[in-house]
N, C-alpha and C. Protein backbone atom coordinates (compact mmCIF):
# COMPACT_ATOMS: atom_id res chain seq x y z
N MET A 1 -70.86 -48.40 52.84
CA MET A 1 -69.90 -47.86 51.85
C MET A 1 -69.17 -46.55 53.06
N GLN A 2 -67.67 -46.50 52.87
CA GLN A 2 -67.38 -46.17 53.65
C GLN A 2 -66.71 -44.84 52.75
N ARG A 3 -66.07 -43.62 54.07
CA ARG A 3 -66.10 -42.32 52.54
C ARG A 3 -64.88 -42.06 53.35
N HIS A 4 -63.49 -41.94 52.90
CA HIS A 4 -62.45 -40.84 53.28
C HIS A 4 -61.94 -39.76 52.71
N ALA A 5 -62.64 -38.67 53.60
CA ALA A 5 -62.84 -37.31 52.89
C ALA A 5 -61.60 -36.46 53.13
N ASP A 6 -61.22 -36.73 54.35
CA ASP A 6 -60.09 -35.42 55.28
C ASP A 6 -58.77 -36.72 55.41
N ILE A 7 -57.32 -36.85 54.55
CA ILE A 7 -56.62 -37.85 55.15
C ILE A 7 -55.49 -37.71 55.76
N PRO A 8 -55.10 -37.40 57.20
CA PRO A 8 -54.26 -36.95 57.83
C PRO A 8 -52.58 -36.80 57.03
N GLY A 9 -52.48 -35.40 57.00
CA GLY A 9 -50.80 -35.25 55.96
C GLY A 9 -51.09 -35.11 54.72
N MET A 10 -51.88 -35.27 54.44
CA MET A 10 -52.83 -34.82 52.80
C MET A 10 -52.84 -33.52 52.44
N ALA A 11 -52.85 -32.79 51.58
CA ALA A 11 -53.62 -31.32 51.64
C ALA A 11 -55.15 -31.46 51.25
N GLU A 12 -55.80 -30.68 51.81
CA GLU A 12 -57.60 -30.65 51.70
C GLU A 12 -58.10 -31.05 50.22
N ALA A 13 -58.83 -31.81 49.90
CA ALA A 13 -59.55 -31.61 48.60
C ALA A 13 -60.06 -30.40 47.97
N VAL A 14 -59.70 -30.83 47.07
CA VAL A 14 -60.20 -28.87 46.11
C VAL A 14 -61.73 -29.02 46.02
N GLY A 15 -62.40 -29.71 46.14
CA GLY A 15 -63.61 -29.52 45.81
C GLY A 15 -65.00 -31.14 46.67
N PRO A 16 -65.95 -30.92 46.46
CA PRO A 16 -66.76 -31.75 47.09
C PRO A 16 -67.07 -32.60 46.40
N PHE A 17 -65.41 -33.63 47.29
CA PHE A 17 -65.78 -34.96 47.09
C PHE A 17 -64.27 -35.90 48.31
N SER A 18 -64.69 -37.19 48.05
CA SER A 18 -64.00 -38.06 49.05
C SER A 18 -62.48 -38.58 48.32
N GLN A 19 -61.59 -38.40 49.12
CA GLN A 19 -60.30 -38.59 48.64
C GLN A 19 -60.64 -40.66 47.75
N SER A 20 -61.13 -41.39 48.60
CA SER A 20 -61.81 -42.99 48.48
C SER A 20 -62.88 -42.92 48.88
N VAL A 21 -63.73 -44.42 48.08
CA VAL A 21 -64.87 -44.64 48.63
C VAL A 21 -64.57 -45.99 48.80
N VAL A 22 -64.87 -46.77 49.69
CA VAL A 22 -64.82 -48.41 49.66
C VAL A 22 -66.03 -48.61 49.93
N ALA A 23 -66.28 -49.32 48.65
CA ALA A 23 -67.46 -50.64 48.44
C ALA A 23 -67.67 -51.41 47.56
N ASN A 24 -68.06 -52.79 48.55
CA ASN A 24 -67.68 -54.53 48.36
C ASN A 24 -66.67 -54.49 47.77
N GLY A 25 -65.82 -54.24 48.49
CA GLY A 25 -64.53 -54.89 48.61
C GLY A 25 -63.87 -54.06 47.97
N PHE A 26 -64.18 -52.96 47.11
CA PHE A 26 -63.07 -52.45 46.19
C PHE A 26 -63.10 -50.80 47.00
N VAL A 27 -61.72 -50.50 46.57
CA VAL A 27 -61.31 -48.69 47.00
C VAL A 27 -61.08 -48.37 45.68
N PHE A 28 -61.89 -47.08 45.49
CA PHE A 28 -61.80 -45.78 44.37
C PHE A 28 -61.21 -44.69 44.87
N VAL A 29 -60.14 -44.68 44.22
CA VAL A 29 -59.60 -43.80 44.48
C VAL A 29 -59.33 -42.54 44.15
N SER A 30 -59.82 -41.21 43.83
CA SER A 30 -60.07 -40.22 42.81
C SER A 30 -58.63 -39.55 42.42
N GLY A 31 -58.62 -39.29 41.91
CA GLY A 31 -57.64 -38.61 41.60
C GLY A 31 -56.32 -37.85 42.14
N GLN A 32 -55.43 -38.69 42.14
CA GLN A 32 -54.19 -37.85 42.86
C GLN A 32 -53.35 -36.70 41.67
N ILE A 33 -52.78 -35.67 42.57
CA ILE A 33 -51.95 -34.62 41.64
C ILE A 33 -50.98 -34.83 43.12
N PRO A 34 -49.64 -33.64 42.44
CA PRO A 34 -48.39 -33.69 42.65
C PRO A 34 -48.28 -32.54 43.82
N THR A 35 -49.35 -32.48 44.62
CA THR A 35 -49.19 -31.37 45.87
C THR A 35 -49.09 -32.11 47.22
N GLY A 36 -47.93 -31.03 48.33
CA GLY A 36 -48.28 -31.64 49.19
C GLY A 36 -49.22 -31.00 50.36
N VAL A 37 -48.90 -30.83 51.70
CA VAL A 37 -49.61 -30.73 52.81
C VAL A 37 -50.39 -29.34 52.16
N GLY A 38 -49.32 -27.96 51.26
CA GLY A 38 -49.83 -26.98 51.22
C GLY A 38 -50.50 -26.60 50.35
N GLY A 39 -51.02 -27.51 49.64
CA GLY A 39 -52.02 -27.58 48.66
C GLY A 39 -51.25 -27.69 47.05
N ILE A 40 -51.80 -26.62 46.15
CA ILE A 40 -51.89 -26.15 44.81
C ILE A 40 -50.36 -25.70 44.57
N GLY A 41 -49.94 -24.81 45.73
CA GLY A 41 -48.98 -24.22 45.52
C GLY A 41 -47.38 -25.23 45.59
N ASP A 42 -47.82 -25.81 46.46
CA ASP A 42 -46.92 -27.10 47.34
C ASP A 42 -46.37 -28.45 46.22
N GLN A 43 -45.63 -27.99 45.10
CA GLN A 43 -45.55 -28.87 44.45
C GLN A 43 -44.34 -29.14 43.97
N PRO A 44 -43.39 -30.64 43.86
CA PRO A 44 -41.93 -30.52 43.25
C PRO A 44 -41.70 -29.51 42.15
N GLU A 45 -40.45 -29.29 41.82
CA GLU A 45 -40.15 -28.48 40.62
C GLU A 45 -39.81 -29.49 39.28
N ASP A 46 -39.09 -30.46 39.97
CA ASP A 46 -39.20 -31.54 38.28
C ASP A 46 -40.17 -32.56 38.06
N PHE A 47 -40.48 -33.21 36.83
CA PHE A 47 -41.53 -33.81 36.17
C PHE A 47 -41.22 -35.24 37.30
N GLU A 48 -40.14 -35.37 37.22
CA GLU A 48 -39.61 -37.00 37.84
C GLU A 48 -40.48 -36.99 39.29
N SER A 49 -40.10 -35.76 40.19
CA SER A 49 -40.44 -35.74 41.74
C SER A 49 -41.47 -35.25 42.00
N LYS A 50 -42.34 -34.72 40.78
CA LYS A 50 -43.92 -34.65 40.63
C LYS A 50 -44.34 -35.73 40.46
N VAL A 51 -44.06 -36.86 39.57
CA VAL A 51 -44.51 -38.52 39.57
C VAL A 51 -44.67 -39.27 40.62
N ARG A 52 -43.43 -38.86 41.69
CA ARG A 52 -43.06 -39.48 42.44
C ARG A 52 -44.19 -39.15 43.55
N ARG A 53 -44.36 -38.09 43.90
CA ARG A 53 -45.20 -37.06 45.13
C ARG A 53 -46.51 -37.74 44.47
N THR A 54 -46.61 -37.97 43.29
CA THR A 54 -48.61 -37.82 43.21
C THR A 54 -48.16 -39.75 43.76
N LEU A 55 -47.71 -40.50 43.29
CA LEU A 55 -48.10 -42.01 43.56
C LEU A 55 -47.31 -42.00 44.84
N GLU A 56 -46.94 -41.20 45.87
CA GLU A 56 -46.83 -40.85 47.31
C GLU A 56 -48.01 -40.82 47.81
N ASN A 57 -49.05 -39.79 47.40
CA ASN A 57 -50.07 -39.81 47.75
C ASN A 57 -51.00 -40.58 47.08
N LEU A 58 -50.84 -41.15 46.17
CA LEU A 58 -51.87 -42.42 46.20
C LEU A 58 -51.44 -43.31 47.26
N ARG A 59 -50.59 -43.38 47.41
CA ARG A 59 -50.08 -45.00 48.29
C ARG A 59 -50.75 -44.15 49.54
N SER A 60 -50.49 -43.02 50.24
CA SER A 60 -51.42 -42.58 51.73
C SER A 60 -52.62 -42.65 51.59
N VAL A 61 -53.79 -42.23 50.56
CA VAL A 61 -54.76 -42.94 49.97
C VAL A 61 -55.29 -43.98 50.57
N LEU A 62 -54.75 -44.90 49.68
CA LEU A 62 -54.91 -46.70 49.80
C LEU A 62 -54.83 -46.82 51.12
N GLU A 63 -53.67 -46.49 52.03
CA GLU A 63 -53.13 -47.15 53.08
C GLU A 63 -54.58 -46.58 54.25
N ALA A 64 -54.64 -45.31 53.69
CA ALA A 64 -56.18 -45.16 55.04
C ALA A 64 -57.22 -45.62 54.23
N ALA A 65 -57.54 -46.09 53.55
CA ALA A 65 -58.61 -47.38 52.74
C ALA A 65 -58.71 -48.18 53.43
N GLY A 66 -57.25 -49.10 53.82
CA GLY A 66 -57.09 -50.17 54.42
C GLY A 66 -56.97 -51.50 53.16
N THR A 67 -55.92 -50.43 52.18
CA THR A 67 -55.28 -51.03 51.22
C THR A 67 -53.83 -50.93 50.82
N ASP A 68 -52.68 -51.05 49.91
CA ASP A 68 -51.97 -50.45 49.19
C ASP A 68 -51.36 -51.03 47.86
N MET A 69 -50.75 -50.43 47.29
CA MET A 69 -49.95 -50.54 45.76
C MET A 69 -50.53 -51.77 45.29
N ASP A 70 -49.41 -53.14 46.45
CA ASP A 70 -49.61 -54.26 45.79
C ASP A 70 -51.33 -54.92 45.27
N HIS A 71 -52.25 -54.13 45.84
CA HIS A 71 -53.68 -54.13 45.46
C HIS A 71 -54.56 -53.67 44.35
N VAL A 72 -53.58 -53.00 43.84
CA VAL A 72 -54.25 -51.89 42.76
C VAL A 72 -54.35 -52.95 41.50
N VAL A 73 -56.05 -52.18 41.19
CA VAL A 73 -56.06 -53.32 39.98
C VAL A 73 -56.01 -52.37 38.37
N LYS A 74 -56.14 -51.46 38.42
CA LYS A 74 -56.65 -50.70 37.45
C LYS A 74 -55.80 -48.91 38.57
N CYS A 75 -55.36 -48.40 37.37
CA CYS A 75 -54.63 -46.82 37.15
C CYS A 75 -54.98 -46.40 35.70
N ASN A 76 -55.36 -44.52 36.39
CA ASN A 76 -55.36 -43.66 35.15
C ASN A 76 -54.86 -42.77 35.23
N GLY A 77 -53.58 -42.82 33.87
CA GLY A 77 -52.70 -41.50 33.80
C GLY A 77 -53.60 -40.61 33.04
N TYR A 78 -53.11 -39.16 33.83
CA TYR A 78 -53.47 -38.32 32.96
C TYR A 78 -52.09 -36.93 32.89
N LEU A 79 -51.74 -37.17 31.89
CA LEU A 79 -50.45 -36.52 31.55
C LEU A 79 -50.59 -35.22 30.06
N THR A 80 -49.66 -34.03 30.65
CA THR A 80 -49.97 -32.67 29.78
C THR A 80 -49.50 -32.62 28.81
N ARG A 81 -48.26 -33.76 28.51
CA ARG A 81 -47.56 -33.59 27.37
C ARG A 81 -46.77 -34.97 27.24
N PRO A 82 -47.03 -35.34 25.78
CA PRO A 82 -46.77 -36.59 25.30
C PRO A 82 -45.15 -37.25 26.04
N GLU A 83 -43.93 -35.58 25.88
CA GLU A 83 -42.68 -36.31 26.38
C GLU A 83 -42.56 -36.37 27.70
N GLN A 84 -43.45 -36.68 28.32
CA GLN A 84 -43.24 -36.88 29.62
C GLN A 84 -43.85 -38.65 29.47
N LEU A 85 -43.96 -39.02 29.03
CA LEU A 85 -44.43 -40.55 28.84
C LEU A 85 -43.07 -41.20 29.99
N ASP A 86 -41.84 -41.28 28.94
CA ASP A 86 -41.09 -41.84 29.61
C ASP A 86 -40.50 -41.89 31.03
N THR A 87 -40.60 -40.30 31.29
CA THR A 87 -40.47 -40.31 32.65
C THR A 87 -41.47 -40.71 33.72
N TYR A 88 -42.58 -41.01 33.38
CA TYR A 88 -43.47 -41.21 33.77
C TYR A 88 -43.88 -42.88 34.21
N ASN A 89 -43.51 -43.96 33.21
CA ASN A 89 -43.23 -44.75 33.34
C ASN A 89 -42.06 -45.29 33.92
N GLN A 90 -40.79 -44.79 33.65
CA GLN A 90 -39.91 -45.28 34.64
C GLN A 90 -39.93 -44.78 36.64
N VAL A 91 -40.58 -43.55 36.26
CA VAL A 91 -40.99 -43.79 38.40
C VAL A 91 -42.41 -44.61 38.29
N TYR A 92 -43.31 -44.94 37.42
CA TYR A 92 -44.32 -45.62 38.16
C TYR A 92 -43.91 -47.31 37.97
N ALA A 93 -42.64 -47.22 36.95
CA ALA A 93 -42.15 -49.32 37.85
C ALA A 93 -41.78 -49.14 38.83
N GLU A 94 -41.38 -48.34 39.72
CA GLU A 94 -40.93 -48.34 40.71
C GLU A 94 -41.98 -49.08 41.84
N PHE A 95 -43.30 -48.09 41.58
CA PHE A 95 -44.13 -48.44 42.77
C PHE A 95 -44.87 -49.75 42.20
N PHE A 96 -44.96 -50.32 41.34
CA PHE A 96 -45.94 -51.06 40.61
C PHE A 96 -44.80 -52.55 39.56
N ALA A 97 -43.84 -52.17 40.45
CA ALA A 97 -42.84 -53.42 39.05
C ALA A 97 -43.22 -54.68 39.46
N ASP A 98 -43.72 -54.90 40.74
CA ASP A 98 -44.45 -56.78 40.62
C ASP A 98 -46.20 -56.72 40.31
N SER A 99 -46.55 -55.63 40.31
CA SER A 99 -48.40 -56.01 40.68
C SER A 99 -48.89 -55.41 39.59
N ARG A 100 -48.09 -55.07 38.60
CA ARG A 100 -48.14 -54.59 37.30
C ARG A 100 -49.90 -54.39 37.17
N PRO A 101 -50.34 -53.50 37.26
CA PRO A 101 -52.24 -53.37 37.37
C PRO A 101 -52.47 -52.90 35.92
N ALA A 102 -53.43 -53.28 35.56
CA ALA A 102 -54.39 -52.87 34.05
C ALA A 102 -54.09 -51.26 34.39
N ARG A 103 -53.75 -50.69 32.83
CA ARG A 103 -53.53 -48.75 32.84
C ARG A 103 -54.26 -48.26 31.76
N THR A 104 -54.33 -46.76 32.24
CA THR A 104 -54.86 -45.99 30.72
C THR A 104 -53.64 -45.05 31.31
N THR A 105 -53.46 -44.36 29.99
CA THR A 105 -52.55 -43.21 29.99
C THR A 105 -52.68 -42.01 29.05
N VAL A 106 -53.30 -41.14 29.49
CA VAL A 106 -53.69 -40.11 27.99
C VAL A 106 -53.24 -38.71 28.28
N GLY A 107 -53.14 -38.17 27.13
CA GLY A 107 -52.71 -36.68 27.12
C GLY A 107 -53.96 -35.53 27.53
N VAL A 108 -53.77 -35.14 28.14
CA VAL A 108 -55.06 -33.65 28.56
C VAL A 108 -54.70 -32.79 28.87
N ASN A 109 -55.35 -31.42 28.93
CA ASN A 109 -55.12 -30.15 29.36
C ASN A 109 -55.51 -30.18 31.23
N LEU A 110 -55.11 -29.74 32.00
CA LEU A 110 -55.12 -30.13 33.40
C LEU A 110 -54.58 -28.76 33.90
N TRP A 111 -55.73 -27.97 35.05
CA TRP A 111 -54.93 -27.13 35.40
C TRP A 111 -54.29 -26.62 36.61
N GLY A 112 -52.97 -25.91 36.31
CA GLY A 112 -51.77 -25.67 37.57
C GLY A 112 -51.10 -26.89 37.88
N VAL A 113 -51.27 -28.27 37.17
CA VAL A 113 -50.70 -29.45 37.53
C VAL A 113 -50.01 -30.09 36.28
N ASP A 114 -49.01 -30.85 36.14
CA ASP A 114 -48.60 -31.87 34.94
C ASP A 114 -49.30 -32.94 34.96
N LEU A 115 -49.65 -33.83 36.20
CA LEU A 115 -50.47 -34.74 36.01
C LEU A 115 -51.31 -34.96 37.38
N GLU A 116 -51.96 -36.18 36.73
CA GLU A 116 -53.21 -36.49 37.77
C GLU A 116 -53.19 -38.39 37.41
N ILE A 117 -53.52 -39.17 38.60
CA ILE A 117 -53.36 -40.36 38.89
C ILE A 117 -54.47 -41.11 39.85
N ASP A 118 -55.63 -41.37 39.15
CA ASP A 118 -56.48 -41.79 40.06
C ASP A 118 -56.57 -43.78 39.96
N CYS A 119 -57.23 -44.03 40.73
CA CYS A 119 -57.18 -45.79 40.67
C CYS A 119 -58.21 -46.66 41.25
N MET A 120 -58.07 -47.93 40.93
CA MET A 120 -58.89 -49.10 41.83
C MET A 120 -58.17 -49.52 42.56
N ALA A 121 -58.24 -50.28 43.59
CA ALA A 121 -58.00 -51.25 44.10
C ALA A 121 -59.20 -52.33 45.03
N VAL A 122 -58.31 -53.61 45.26
CA VAL A 122 -59.26 -54.54 46.32
C VAL A 122 -58.56 -54.23 47.66
N LEU A 123 -59.53 -54.66 48.06
CA LEU A 123 -59.09 -54.72 49.85
C LEU A 123 -58.35 -56.38 50.13
N PRO A 124 -57.39 -56.33 50.92
CA PRO A 124 -56.64 -57.52 51.12
C PRO A 124 -57.84 -58.24 51.74
N GLY A 125 -57.64 -59.00 51.64
CA GLY A 125 -58.69 -60.58 51.40
C GLY A 125 -59.94 -61.19 50.65
N ALA A 126 -60.77 -59.35 50.07
CA ALA A 126 -61.86 -59.49 49.24
C ALA A 126 -62.14 -60.01 47.98
N GLY A 127 -60.38 -59.76 47.41
CA GLY A 127 -60.22 -60.29 45.92
C GLY A 127 -59.34 -61.62 45.80
N SER A 128 -59.17 -62.14 44.32
CA SER A 128 -58.58 -62.71 44.47
C SER A 128 -57.03 -62.29 43.38
């Protein structure tokens, strides 16, 4: 098993967890939020940019673990308001246009952020 806790160019984890864990040909990515290197205070203003930053963070974690967005098999999205869904879907489609992983999206109450996304991916060559 391989764990990635501190990924260069990303904000430090805000708790005792790894950004990703690689096990049995899968990559399990912890929930990513729209923060930059500066942490929770370093977030874009508008929701579309927040979704984009969150998915870019997700992509960075996947690449550090040895995979990419095309190998994602399942995503979970957590939004704070129902009216965010259309914007979320629009930006999400840019990142997953061809691969279209399985997905769950729910409304939740998050602290200090408007969304969070986690995922599972396969390592290239490990799955079909």
